[in-house]
Amino acid sequence: MGTELLDATFAALADPTRRAILARLAAGEATVTELAAPFAMSQPAISKHLKVLERAGLVSRGRDAQRRPCRLEARPLREATAWLADYRGYWAESYQRLDALLGELQAADQPDSARRRSRPNESHG
């Protein structure tokens, strides 16, 4: 994915209204009027959000007689997910190191009596 398109995708996803529009379009196409219904904003404001989504390639508009339905275009989302997946290994390794460090700290922080209780019984004689 080109840097410009990736930047546009993440910029579009940065806004909660645009994410809600994408979630609605994931259920099927809708007109601007239908997309505006759940929001306390005007249709022109929704249209501005749609323009951002269109520039990012996340939404396309069709023509069906008088209707101009919007539909989700998932390719940029798939490509952004693939870009993020490249960092999954880094974070998994970081979390494993953190888990190991926490385990060491907890073991070192245990009082002597708790450590003795956790050992098998030793014969005292």
Protein backbone atom coordinates (compact mmCIF):
# COMPACT_ATOMS: atom_id res chain seq x y z
CA MET A 1 0.00 0.00 0.00
CA GLY A 2 1.38 3.41 -0.91
CA THR A 3 2.22 5.79 1.92
CA GLU A 4 -0.33 8.37 0.75
CA LEU A 5 -3.18 5.87 0.74
CA LEU A 6 -2.11 4.43 4.09
CA ASP A 7 -2.00 7.96 5.56
CA ALA A 8 -5.44 8.73 4.11
CA THR A 9 -6.83 5.46 5.51
CA PHE A 10 -5.59 6.12 9.03
CA ALA A 11 -6.68 9.78 8.87
CA ALA A 12 -10.16 8.66 7.83
CA LEU A 13 -10.30 6.07 10.62
CA ALA A 14 -9.22 8.66 13.21
CA ASP A 15 -12.72 10.12 13.41
CA PRO A 16 -15.44 8.25 15.36
CA THR A 17 -18.21 9.43 13.01
CA ARG A 18 -16.37 8.03 10.00
CA ARG A 19 -15.76 4.74 11.82
CA ALA A 20 -19.50 4.57 12.60
CA ILE A 21 -20.32 5.24 8.94
CA LEU A 22 -18.00 2.40 7.89
CA ALA A 23 -19.60 0.09 10.47
CA ARG A 24 -23.04 0.93 9.06
CA LEU A 25 -21.85 0.35 5.48
CA ALA A 26 -20.42 -3.04 6.50
CA ALA A 27 -24.07 -4.10 6.89
CA GLY A 28 -24.90 -2.97 3.34
CA GLU A 29 -25.09 0.08 1.12
CA ALA A 30 -26.93 3.20 2.25
CA THR A 31 -27.76 6.69 1.02
CA VAL A 32 -26.44 9.88 2.63
CA THR A 33 -29.88 10.40 4.20
CA GLU A 34 -29.81 6.90 5.71
CA LEU A 35 -26.24 7.42 6.94
CA ALA A 36 -27.11 10.79 8.51
CA ALA A 37 -30.15 9.45 10.44
CA PRO A 38 -28.39 8.25 13.62
CA PHE A 39 -26.19 11.37 13.92
CA ALA A 40 -27.00 14.78 15.32
CA MET A 41 -25.50 16.48 12.27
CA SER A 42 -26.65 17.74 8.90
CA GLN A 43 -26.48 15.84 5.63
CA PRO A 44 -23.81 18.25 4.34
CA ALA A 45 -21.66 17.39 7.38
CA ILE A 46 -22.13 13.68 6.67
CA SER A 47 -21.24 14.37 3.03
CA LYS A 48 -17.95 15.93 4.15
CA HIS A 49 -17.15 12.80 6.14
CA LEU A 50 -18.02 10.69 3.10
CA LYS A 51 -15.63 12.72 0.93
CA VAL A 52 -12.79 11.93 3.37
CA LEU A 53 -13.74 8.24 3.25
CA GLU A 54 -13.92 8.35 -0.57
CA ARG A 55 -10.47 9.98 -0.85
CA ALA A 56 -9.10 7.15 1.29
CA GLY A 57 -10.78 4.63 -1.03
CA LEU A 58 -12.90 3.28 1.84
CA VAL A 59 -16.26 4.26 0.32
CA SER A 60 -17.60 4.42 -3.21
CA ARG A 61 -20.84 5.90 -4.48
CA GLY A 62 -22.97 4.32 -7.12
CA ARG A 63 -25.97 5.46 -9.08
CA ASP A 64 -29.28 3.63 -9.02
CA ALA A 65 -31.87 5.80 -10.82
CA GLN A 66 -32.38 8.72 -8.39
CA ARG A 67 -30.53 6.96 -5.56
CA ARG A 68 -26.78 7.38 -4.99
CA PRO A 69 -25.98 4.56 -2.57
CA CYS A 70 -22.66 4.48 -0.74
CA ARG A 71 -20.86 1.20 -0.25
CA LEU A 72 -17.90 0.04 1.77
CA GLU A 73 -14.66 -0.66 -0.10
CA ALA A 74 -12.69 -3.02 2.15
CA ARG A 75 -9.36 -3.17 0.28
CA PRO A 76 -7.74 -0.21 2.10
CA LEU A 77 -8.80 -1.72 5.44
CA ARG A 78 -7.26 -5.04 4.48
CA GLU A 79 -4.03 -3.31 3.49
CA ALA A 80 -3.93 -1.24 6.71
CA THR A 81 -4.48 -4.43 8.71
CA ALA A 82 -1.60 -6.10 6.87
CA TRP A 83 0.63 -3.10 7.65
CA LEU A 84 -0.30 -3.30 11.35
CA ALA A 85 0.28 -7.07 11.38
CA ASP A 86 3.95 -6.44 10.63
CA TYR A 87 4.23 -5.06 14.17
CA ARG A 88 2.39 -7.94 15.87
CA GLY A 89 5.60 -9.95 16.35
CA TYR A 90 7.34 -6.97 17.93
CA TRP A 91 4.54 -6.47 20.46
CA ALA A 92 4.21 -10.19 21.21
CA GLU A 93 7.94 -10.38 21.98
CA SER A 94 7.74 -7.22 24.11
CA TYR A 95 4.84 -8.66 26.12
CA GLN A 96 6.72 -11.95 26.63
CA ARG A 97 9.73 -10.05 28.00
CA LEU A 98 7.44 -8.03 30.27
CA ASP A 99 5.74 -11.21 31.54
CA ALA A 100 9.14 -12.77 32.30
CA LEU A 101 10.28 -9.64 34.16
CA LEU A 102 7.06 -9.51 36.19
CA GLY A 103 7.48 -13.17 37.09
CA GLU A 104 11.03 -12.50 38.30
CA LEU A 105 9.93 -9.46 40.31
CA GLN A 106 7.06 -11.36 41.93
CA ALA A 107 9.36 -14.26 42.84
CA ALA A 108 11.91 -11.87 44.35
CA ASP A 109 9.20 -10.01 46.25
CA GLN A 110 7.81 -13.13 47.96
CA PRO A 111 8.51 -13.17 51.74
CA ASP A 112 10.87 -15.92 53.00
CA SER A 113 8.02 -17.73 54.78
CA ALA A 114 5.99 -17.91 51.57
CA ARG A 115 9.02 -19.26 49.70
CA ARG A 116 9.51 -21.92 52.39
CA ARG A 117 5.83 -22.92 52.18
CA SER A 118 6.11 -23.28 48.42
CA ARG A 119 9.06 -25.72 48.74
CA PRO A 120 8.55 -29.43 49.33
CA ASN A 121 8.71 -30.47 52.96
CA GLU A 122 12.23 -30.78 54.22
CA SER A 123 13.04 -33.15 57.05
CA HIS A 124 14.17 -31.45 60.20
CA GLY A 125 16.05 -33.63 62.51
